[in-house]
PDB file of N, CA and C in Angstrom:
ATOM      1  N   MET A   1     -23.622 -29.526   6.281  1.00  0.00           N
ATOM      2  CA  MET A   1     -22.423 -28.825   5.602  1.00  0.00           C
ATOM      3  C   MET A   1     -22.298 -27.395   6.361  1.00  0.00           C
ATOM      4  N   SER A   2     -21.052 -27.040   6.718  1.00  0.00           N
ATOM      5  CA  SER A   2     -20.860 -25.740   7.474  1.00  0.00           C
ATOM      6  C   SER A   2     -21.123 -24.600   6.330  1.00  0.00           C
ATOM      7  N   THR A   3     -21.149 -23.441   6.886  1.00  0.00           N
ATOM      8  CA  THR A   3     -21.277 -22.209   6.059  1.00  0.00           C
ATOM      9  C   THR A   3     -20.081 -22.070   5.217  1.00  0.00           C
ATOM     10  N   VAL A   4     -18.935 -22.184   5.807  1.00  0.00           N
ATOM     11  CA  VAL A   4     -17.748 -22.097   5.129  1.00  0.00           C
ATOM     12  C   VAL A   4     -17.616 -23.034   3.920  1.00  0.00           C
ATOM     13  N   GLN A   5     -17.993 -24.326   4.166  1.00  0.00           N
ATOM     14  CA  GLN A   5     -18.094 -25.340   3.066  1.00  0.00           C
ATOM     15  C   GLN A   5     -18.901 -24.855   1.931  1.00  0.00           C
ATOM     16  N   VAL A   6     -20.113 -24.379   2.312  1.00  0.00           N
ATOM     17  CA  VAL A   6     -21.138 -23.920   1.292  1.00  0.00           C
ATOM     18  C   VAL A   6     -20.564 -22.822   0.559  1.00  0.00           C
ATOM     19  N   VAL A   7     -19.813 -21.713   1.122  1.00  0.00           N
ATOM     20  CA  VAL A   7     -19.227 -20.732   0.409  1.00  0.00           C
ATOM     21  C   VAL A   7     -18.179 -21.278  -0.410  1.00  0.00           C
ATOM     22  N   LYS A   8     -17.295 -22.230  -0.008  1.00  0.00           N
ATOM     23  CA  LYS A   8     -16.229 -22.667  -0.852  1.00  0.00           C
ATOM     24  C   LYS A   8     -16.760 -23.397  -2.098  1.00  0.00           C
ATOM     25  N   GLN A   9     -17.890 -24.163  -1.902  1.00  0.00           N
ATOM     26  CA  GLN A   9     -18.549 -24.829  -2.946  1.00  0.00           C
ATOM     27  C   GLN A   9     -18.983 -23.867  -3.991  1.00  0.00           C
ATOM     28  N   ARG A  10     -19.639 -22.608  -3.495  1.00  0.00           N
ATOM     29  CA  ARG A  10     -20.053 -21.741  -4.513  1.00  0.00           C
ATOM     30  C   ARG A  10     -18.827 -21.020  -5.224  1.00  0.00           C
ATOM     31  N   VAL A  11     -17.764 -20.888  -4.494  1.00  0.00           N
ATOM     32  CA  VAL A  11     -16.561 -20.352  -5.253  1.00  0.00           C
ATOM     33  C   VAL A  11     -15.911 -21.376  -6.281  1.00  0.00           C
ATOM     34  N   TYR A  12     -16.020 -22.571  -5.925  1.00  0.00           N
ATOM     35  CA  TYR A  12     -15.446 -23.544  -6.853  1.00  0.00           C
ATOM     36  C   TYR A  12     -16.520 -23.608  -8.157  1.00  0.00           C
ATOM     37  N   GLN A  13     -17.754 -23.475  -7.930  1.00  0.00           N
ATOM     38  CA  GLN A  13     -18.606 -23.477  -8.996  1.00  0.00           C
ATOM     39  C   GLN A  13     -18.604 -22.199  -9.855  1.00  0.00           C
ATOM     40  N   ALA A  14     -18.272 -21.253  -9.209  1.00  0.00           N
ATOM     41  CA  ALA A  14     -18.066 -19.816 -10.011  1.00  0.00           C
ATOM     42  C   ALA A  14     -16.762 -19.925 -10.803  1.00  0.00           C
ATOM     43  N   ILE A  15     -15.759 -20.582 -10.262  1.00  0.00           N
ATOM     44  CA  ILE A  15     -14.440 -20.635 -10.990  1.00  0.00           C
ATOM     45  C   ILE A  15     -14.699 -21.622 -12.195  1.00  0.00           C
ATOM     46  N   ASP A  16     -15.460 -22.737 -12.027  1.00  0.00           N
ATOM     47  CA  ASP A  16     -15.762 -23.578 -13.139  1.00  0.00           C
ATOM     48  C   ASP A  16     -16.574 -22.969 -14.202  1.00  0.00           C
ATOM     49  N   GLY A  17     -17.164 -21.764 -14.032  1.00  0.00           N
ATOM     50  CA  GLY A  17     -18.025 -21.153 -14.908  1.00  0.00           C
ATOM     51  C   GLY A  17     -17.209 -19.945 -15.649  1.00  0.00           C
ATOM     52  N   LEU A  18     -16.046 -19.716 -15.191  1.00  0.00           N
ATOM     53  CA  LEU A  18     -15.236 -18.732 -15.809  1.00  0.00           C
ATOM     54  C   LEU A  18     -14.518 -19.273 -17.049  1.00  0.00           C
ATOM     55  N   PRO A  19     -14.335 -18.465 -17.983  1.00  0.00           N
ATOM     56  CA  PRO A  19     -13.328 -18.809 -19.226  1.00  0.00           C
ATOM     57  C   PRO A  19     -11.875 -18.859 -18.660  1.00  0.00           C
ATOM     58  N   SER A  20     -11.249 -19.764 -19.274  1.00  0.00           N
ATOM     59  CA  SER A  20      -9.787 -20.006 -18.854  1.00  0.00           C
ATOM     60  C   SER A  20      -8.871 -18.680 -18.940  1.00  0.00           C
ATOM     61  N   GLU A  21      -9.342 -17.847 -19.957  1.00  0.00           N
ATOM     62  CA  GLU A  21      -8.630 -16.554 -20.090  1.00  0.00           C
ATOM     63  C   GLU A  21      -8.701 -15.649 -18.874  1.00  0.00           C
ATOM     64  N   SER A  22      -9.605 -15.868 -17.970  1.00  0.00           N
ATOM     65  CA  SER A  22      -9.759 -15.005 -16.679  1.00  0.00           C
ATOM     66  C   SER A  22      -8.964 -15.461 -15.546  1.00  0.00           C
ATOM     67  N   PHE A  23      -8.287 -16.782 -15.601  1.00  0.00           N
ATOM     68  CA  PHE A  23      -7.753 -17.207 -14.548  1.00  0.00           C
ATOM     69  C   PHE A  23      -6.474 -16.506 -13.979  1.00  0.00           C
ATOM     70  N   GLU A  24      -5.732 -15.866 -14.954  1.00  0.00           N
ATOM     71  CA  GLU A  24      -4.579 -14.928 -14.537  1.00  0.00           C
ATOM     72  C   GLU A  24      -5.177 -13.742 -13.702  1.00  0.00           C
ATOM     73  N   GLU A  25      -6.176 -13.124 -14.197  1.00  0.00           N
ATOM     74  CA  GLU A  25      -6.936 -12.012 -13.447  1.00  0.00           C
ATOM     75  C   GLU A  25      -7.428 -12.435 -12.052  1.00  0.00           C
ATOM     76  N   LEU A  26      -7.954 -13.684 -12.054  1.00  0.00           N
ATOM     77  CA  LEU A  26      -8.530 -14.264 -10.770  1.00  0.00           C
ATOM     78  C   LEU A  26      -7.400 -14.451  -9.873  1.00  0.00           C
ATOM     79  N   THR A  27      -6.150 -14.940 -10.221  1.00  0.00           N
ATOM     80  CA  THR A  27      -5.056 -15.221  -9.257  1.00  0.00           C
ATOM     81  C   THR A  27      -4.606 -13.833  -8.788  1.00  0.00           C
ATOM     82  N   HIS A  28      -4.618 -12.748  -9.594  1.00  0.00           N
ATOM     83  CA  HIS A  28      -4.119 -11.337  -9.152  1.00  0.00           C
ATOM     84  C   HIS A  28      -5.084 -10.928  -8.035  1.00  0.00           C
ATOM     85  N   PHE A  29      -6.427 -11.142  -8.226  1.00  0.00           N
ATOM     86  CA  PHE A  29      -7.450 -10.770  -7.300  1.00  0.00           C
ATOM     87  C   PHE A  29      -7.239 -11.638  -5.955  1.00  0.00           C
ATOM     88  N   LEU A  30      -7.062 -12.833  -6.098  1.00  0.00           N
ATOM     89  CA  LEU A  30      -6.854 -13.672  -4.918  1.00  0.00           C
ATOM     90  C   LEU A  30      -5.629 -13.187  -4.094  1.00  0.00           C
ATOM     91  N   ASP A  31      -4.564 -12.817  -4.890  1.00  0.00           N
ATOM     92  CA  ASP A  31      -3.323 -12.357  -4.164  1.00  0.00           C
ATOM     93  C   ASP A  31      -3.577 -11.024  -3.510  1.00  0.00           C
ATOM     94  N   PHE A  32      -4.499 -10.234  -4.099  1.00  0.00           N
ATOM     95  CA  PHE A  32      -4.832  -8.994  -3.382  1.00  0.00           C
ATOM     96  C   PHE A  32      -5.609  -9.318  -2.160  1.00  0.00           C
ATOM     97  N   LEU A  33      -6.507 -10.251  -2.196  1.00  0.00           N
ATOM     98  CA  LEU A  33      -7.383 -10.530  -0.978  1.00  0.00           C
ATOM     99  C   LEU A  33      -6.490 -11.115   0.128  1.00  0.00           C
ATOM    100  N   LYS A  34      -5.432 -11.974  -0.281  1.00  0.00           N
ATOM    101  CA  LYS A  34      -4.503 -12.527   0.779  1.00  0.00           C
ATOM    102  C   LYS A  34      -3.761 -11.390   1.417  1.00  0.00           C
ATOM    103  N   PHE A  35      -3.368 -10.346   0.584  1.00  0.00           N
ATOM    104  CA  PHE A  35      -2.623  -9.301   1.173  1.00  0.00           C
ATOM    105  C   PHE A  35      -3.551  -8.409   2.027  1.00  0.00           C
ATOM    106  N   LYS A  36      -4.681  -8.245   1.609  1.00  0.00           N
ATOM    107  CA  LYS A  36      -5.622  -7.239   2.266  1.00  0.00           C
ATOM    108  C   LYS A  36      -6.029  -7.940   3.746  1.00  0.00           C
ATOM    109  N   TYR A  37      -6.056  -9.217   3.870  1.00  0.00           N
ATOM    110  CA  TYR A  37      -6.557  -9.802   5.098  1.00  0.00           C
ATOM    111  C   TYR A  37      -5.458 -10.381   5.800  1.00  0.00           C
ATOM    112  N   GLN A  38      -4.169 -10.148   5.466  1.00  0.00           N
ATOM    113  CA  GLN A  38      -3.012 -10.836   6.236  1.00  0.00           C
ATOM    114  C   GLN A  38      -2.832 -10.043   7.661  1.00  0.00           C
ATOM    115  N   VAL A  39      -2.465 -10.683   8.576  1.00  0.00           N
ATOM    116  CA  VAL A  39      -2.341 -10.116   9.887  1.00  0.00           C
ATOM    117  C   VAL A  39      -0.995  -9.414   9.824  1.00  0.00           C
ATOM    118  N   GLN A  40      -1.168  -8.022  10.283  1.00  0.00           N
ATOM    119  CA  GLN A  40      -0.089  -7.120  10.218  1.00  0.00           C
ATOM    120  C   GLN A  40       0.698  -7.371  11.603  1.00  0.00           C
ATOM    121  N   GLN A  41       2.014  -7.497  11.501  1.00  0.00           N
ATOM    122  CA  GLN A  41       2.809  -7.565  12.757  1.00  0.00           C
ATOM    123  C   GLN A  41       3.010  -6.053  13.152  1.00  0.00           C
ATOM    124  N   PRO A  42       2.950  -5.915  14.584  1.00  0.00           N
ATOM    125  CA  PRO A  42       3.302  -4.601  15.005  1.00  0.00           C
ATOM    126  C   PRO A  42       4.652  -4.112  14.628  1.00  0.00           C
ATOM    127  N   ARG A  43       4.840  -2.985  14.086  1.00  0.00           N
ATOM    128  CA  ARG A  43       6.044  -2.307  13.712  1.00  0.00           C
ATOM    129  C   ARG A  43       6.878  -1.781  14.812  1.00  0.00           C
ATOM    130  N   LYS A  44       8.121  -1.975  14.621  1.00  0.00           N
ATOM    131  CA  LYS A  44       9.196  -1.600  15.672  1.00  0.00           C
ATOM    132  C   LYS A  44       9.236   0.049  15.548  1.00  0.00           C
ATOM    133  N   VAL A  45       9.080   0.696  16.568  1.00  0.00           N
ATOM    134  CA  VAL A  45       9.188   2.133  16.757  1.00  0.00           C
ATOM    135  C   VAL A  45      10.764   2.347  16.591  1.00  0.00           C
ATOM    136  N   MET A  46      11.163   3.331  15.876  1.00  0.00           N
ATOM    137  CA  MET A  46      12.532   3.739  15.757  1.00  0.00           C
ATOM    138  C   MET A  46      12.594   5.183  16.179  1.00  0.00           C
ATOM    139  N   ALA A  47      13.644   5.439  17.030  1.00  0.00           N
ATOM    140  CA  ALA A  47      13.849   6.941  17.508  1.00  0.00           C
ATOM    141  C   ALA A  47      14.760   7.593  16.450  1.00  0.00           C
ATOM    142  N   LEU A  48      14.303   8.641  15.827  1.00  0.00           N
ATOM    143  CA  LEU A  48      15.063   9.264  14.992  1.00  0.00           C
ATOM    144  C   LEU A  48      15.662  10.723  15.370  1.00  0.00           C
ATOM    145  N   GLY A  49      15.399  10.980  16.640  1.00  0.00           N
ATOM    146  CA  GLY A  49      15.795  12.245  17.140  1.00  0.00           C
ATOM    147  C   GLY A  49      17.383  12.442  17.195  1.00  0.00           C
ATOM    148  N   GLY A  50      17.986  13.347  16.658  1.00  0.00           N
ATOM    149  CA  GLY A  50      19.478  13.459  16.699  1.00  0.00           C
ATOM    150  C   GLY A  50      20.021  12.847  15.577  1.00  0.00           C
ATOM    151  N   LEU A  51      19.382  12.282  14.645  1.00  0.00           N
ATOM    152  CA  LEU A  51      19.891  11.366  13.556  1.00  0.00           C
ATOM    153  C   LEU A  51      20.838  12.208  12.711  1.00  0.00           C
ATOM    154  N   TRP A  52      20.706  13.578  12.557  1.00  0.00           N
ATOM    155  CA  TRP A  52      21.447  14.373  11.694  1.00  0.00           C
ATOM    156  C   TRP A  52      22.272  15.345  12.525  1.00  0.00           C
ATOM    157  N   LYS A  53      22.427  15.209  13.786  1.00  0.00           N
ATOM    158  CA  LYS A  53      23.171  16.183  14.668  1.00  0.00           C
ATOM    159  C   LYS A  53      24.512  16.340  14.338  1.00  0.00           C
ATOM    160  N   HIS A  54      25.315  15.402  13.752  1.00  0.00           N
ATOM    161  CA  HIS A  54      26.672  15.560  13.291  1.00  0.00           C
ATOM    162  C   HIS A  54      26.811  16.373  12.089  1.00  0.00           C
ATOM    163  N   LEU A  55      25.738  16.560  11.294  1.00  0.00           N
ATOM    164  CA  LEU A  55      25.783  17.425  10.035  1.00  0.00           C
ATOM    165  C   LEU A  55      25.644  18.791  10.278  1.00  0.00           C
ATOM    166  N   ASP A  56      26.233  19.695   9.453  1.00  0.00           N
ATOM    167  CA  ASP A  56      26.029  20.956   9.446  1.00  0.00           C
ATOM    168  C   ASP A  56      24.813  21.376   8.717  1.00  0.00           C
ATOM    169  N   PHE A  57      23.750  21.647   9.320  1.00  0.00           N
ATOM    170  CA  PHE A  57      22.506  21.659   8.637  1.00  0.00           C
ATOM    171  C   PHE A  57      21.595  22.847   9.313  1.00  0.00           C
ATOM    172  N   ASP A  58      22.047  24.057   8.838  1.00  0.00           N
ATOM    173  CA  ASP A  58      21.432  25.322   9.260  1.00  0.00           C
ATOM    174  C   ASP A  58      20.237  25.733   8.325  1.00  0.00           C
ATOM    175  N   VAL A  59      19.016  25.285   8.457  1.00  0.00           N
ATOM    176  CA  VAL A  59      18.064  25.701   7.676  1.00  0.00           C
ATOM    177  C   VAL A  59      16.993  26.186   8.529  1.00  0.00           C
ATOM    178  N   THR A  60      16.507  27.397   8.070  1.00  0.00           N
ATOM    179  CA  THR A  60      15.430  28.050   8.832  1.00  0.00           C
ATOM    180  C   THR A  60      14.144  27.543   8.429  1.00  0.00           C
ATOM    181  N   ASP A  61      13.052  27.762   9.230  1.00  0.00           N
ATOM    182  CA  ASP A  61      11.610  27.422   8.926  1.00  0.00           C
ATOM    183  C   ASP A  61      11.179  28.136   7.614  1.00  0.00           C
ATOM    184  N   ALA A  62      11.516  29.397   7.407  1.00  0.00           N
ATOM    185  CA  ALA A  62      11.196  30.155   6.341  1.00  0.00           C
ATOM    186  C   ALA A  62      11.915  29.407   5.079  1.00  0.00           C
ATOM    187  N   GLU A  63      13.035  28.978   5.071  1.00  0.00           N
ATOM    188  CA  GLU A  63      13.708  28.327   4.003  1.00  0.00           C
ATOM    189  C   GLU A  63      12.847  26.910   3.784  1.00  0.00           C
ATOM    190  N   VAL A  64      12.493  26.347   4.670  1.00  0.00           N
ATOM    191  CA  VAL A  64      11.876  24.977   4.463  1.00  0.00           C
ATOM    192  C   VAL A  64      10.441  25.423   3.788  1.00  0.00           C
ATOM    193  N   ARG A  65       9.851  26.357   4.201  1.00  0.00           N
ATOM    194  CA  ARG A  65       8.530  26.818   3.723  1.00  0.00           C
ATOM    195  C   ARG A  65       8.614  27.168   2.300  1.00  0.00           C
ATOM    196  N   ALA A  66       9.799  27.934   1.958  1.00  0.00           N
ATOM    197  CA  ALA A  66       9.829  28.505   0.624  1.00  0.00           C
ATOM    198  C   ALA A  66      10.151  27.239  -0.323  1.00  0.00           C
ATOM    199  N   LEU A  67      10.809  26.364   0.095  1.00  0.00           N
ATOM    200  CA  LEU A  67      11.180  25.095  -0.717  1.00  0.00           C
ATOM    201  C   LEU A  67       9.956  24.292  -1.030  1.00  0.00           C
ATOM    202  N   ARG A  68       9.166  24.131   0.123  1.00  0.00           N
ATOM    203  CA  ARG A  68       7.827  23.294  -0.058  1.00  0.00           C
ATOM    204  C   ARG A  68       6.970  24.091  -1.060  1.00  0.00           C
ATOM    205  N   GLN A  69       6.839  25.352  -0.982  1.00  0.00           N
ATOM    206  CA  GLN A  69       6.102  26.089  -1.823  1.00  0.00           C
ATOM    207  C   GLN A  69       6.585  26.016  -3.376  1.00  0.00           C
ATOM    208  N   ARG A  70       7.826  26.056  -3.561  1.00  0.00           N
ATOM    209  CA  ARG A  70       8.437  25.727  -4.996  1.00  0.00           C
ATOM    210  C   ARG A  70       8.017  24.405  -5.386  1.00  0.00           C
ATOM    211  N   VAL A  71       8.281  23.387  -4.630  1.00  0.00           N
ATOM    212  CA  VAL A  71       8.067  22.045  -5.017  1.00  0.00           C
ATOM    213  C   VAL A  71       6.539  21.750  -5.324  1.00  0.00           C
ATOM    214  N   THR A  72       5.689  22.404  -4.518  1.00  0.00           N
ATOM    215  CA  THR A  72       4.228  22.385  -4.772  1.00  0.00           C
ATOM    216  C   THR A  72       3.887  23.007  -6.192  1.00  0.00           C
ATOM    217  N   ALA A  73       4.512  24.101  -6.193  1.00  0.00           N
ATOM    218  CA  ALA A  73       4.199  24.969  -7.648  1.00  0.00           C
ATOM    219  C   ALA A  73       4.754  23.991  -8.808  1.00  0.00           C
ATOM    220  N   GLN A  74       5.795  23.400  -8.682  1.00  0.00           N
ATOM    221  CA  GLN A  74       6.348  22.507  -9.667  1.00  0.00           C
ATOM    222  C   GLN A  74       5.394  21.479 -10.061  1.00  0.00           C
ATOM    223  N   LEU A  75       4.946  20.804  -8.992  1.00  0.00           N
ATOM    224  CA  LEU A  75       4.057  19.637  -9.122  1.00  0.00           C
ATOM    225  C   LEU A  75       2.727  20.010  -9.791  1.00  0.00           C
ATOM    226  N   LEU A  76       2.273  21.169  -9.301  1.00  0.00           N
ATOM    227  CA  LEU A  76       0.946  21.609  -9.831  1.00  0.00           C
ATOM    228  C   LEU A  76       1.020  21.926 -11.286  1.00  0.00           C
ATOM    229  N   ARG A  77       2.119  22.479 -11.862  1.00  0.00           N
ATOM    230  CA  ARG A  77       2.472  22.770 -13.118  1.00  0.00           C
ATOM    231  C   ARG A  77       2.446  21.394 -14.036  1.00  0.00           C
ATOM    232  N   LYS A  78       2.930  20.424 -13.440  1.00  0.00           N
ATOM    233  CA  LYS A  78       3.060  19.190 -14.166  1.00  0.00           C
ATOM    234  C   LYS A  78       1.568  18.444 -14.266  1.00  0.00           C
ATOM    235  N   VAL A  79       0.819  18.694 -13.301  1.00  0.00           N
ATOM    236  CA  VAL A  79      -0.546  18.174 -13.356  1.00  0.00           C
ATOM    237  C   VAL A  79      -1.377  18.957 -14.162  1.00  0.00           C
TER     238      VAL A  79
END
């Protein structure tokens, strides 16, 4: 018997030893494992340069920095 078959047999035996109430949780765990080990397709790279060039968007680095600081402060107050 191959190693894979032995492991599958152990899994089947472990499932038989579980109470039926745990089957829903087991299916969630199996779904997680399938997601974890799925083969990822390479993602298509999209060029975003110039995406907003038609908008009137005059924001300085200082304004962006100030906005980030305000947002961070608000989030820290909530935590």
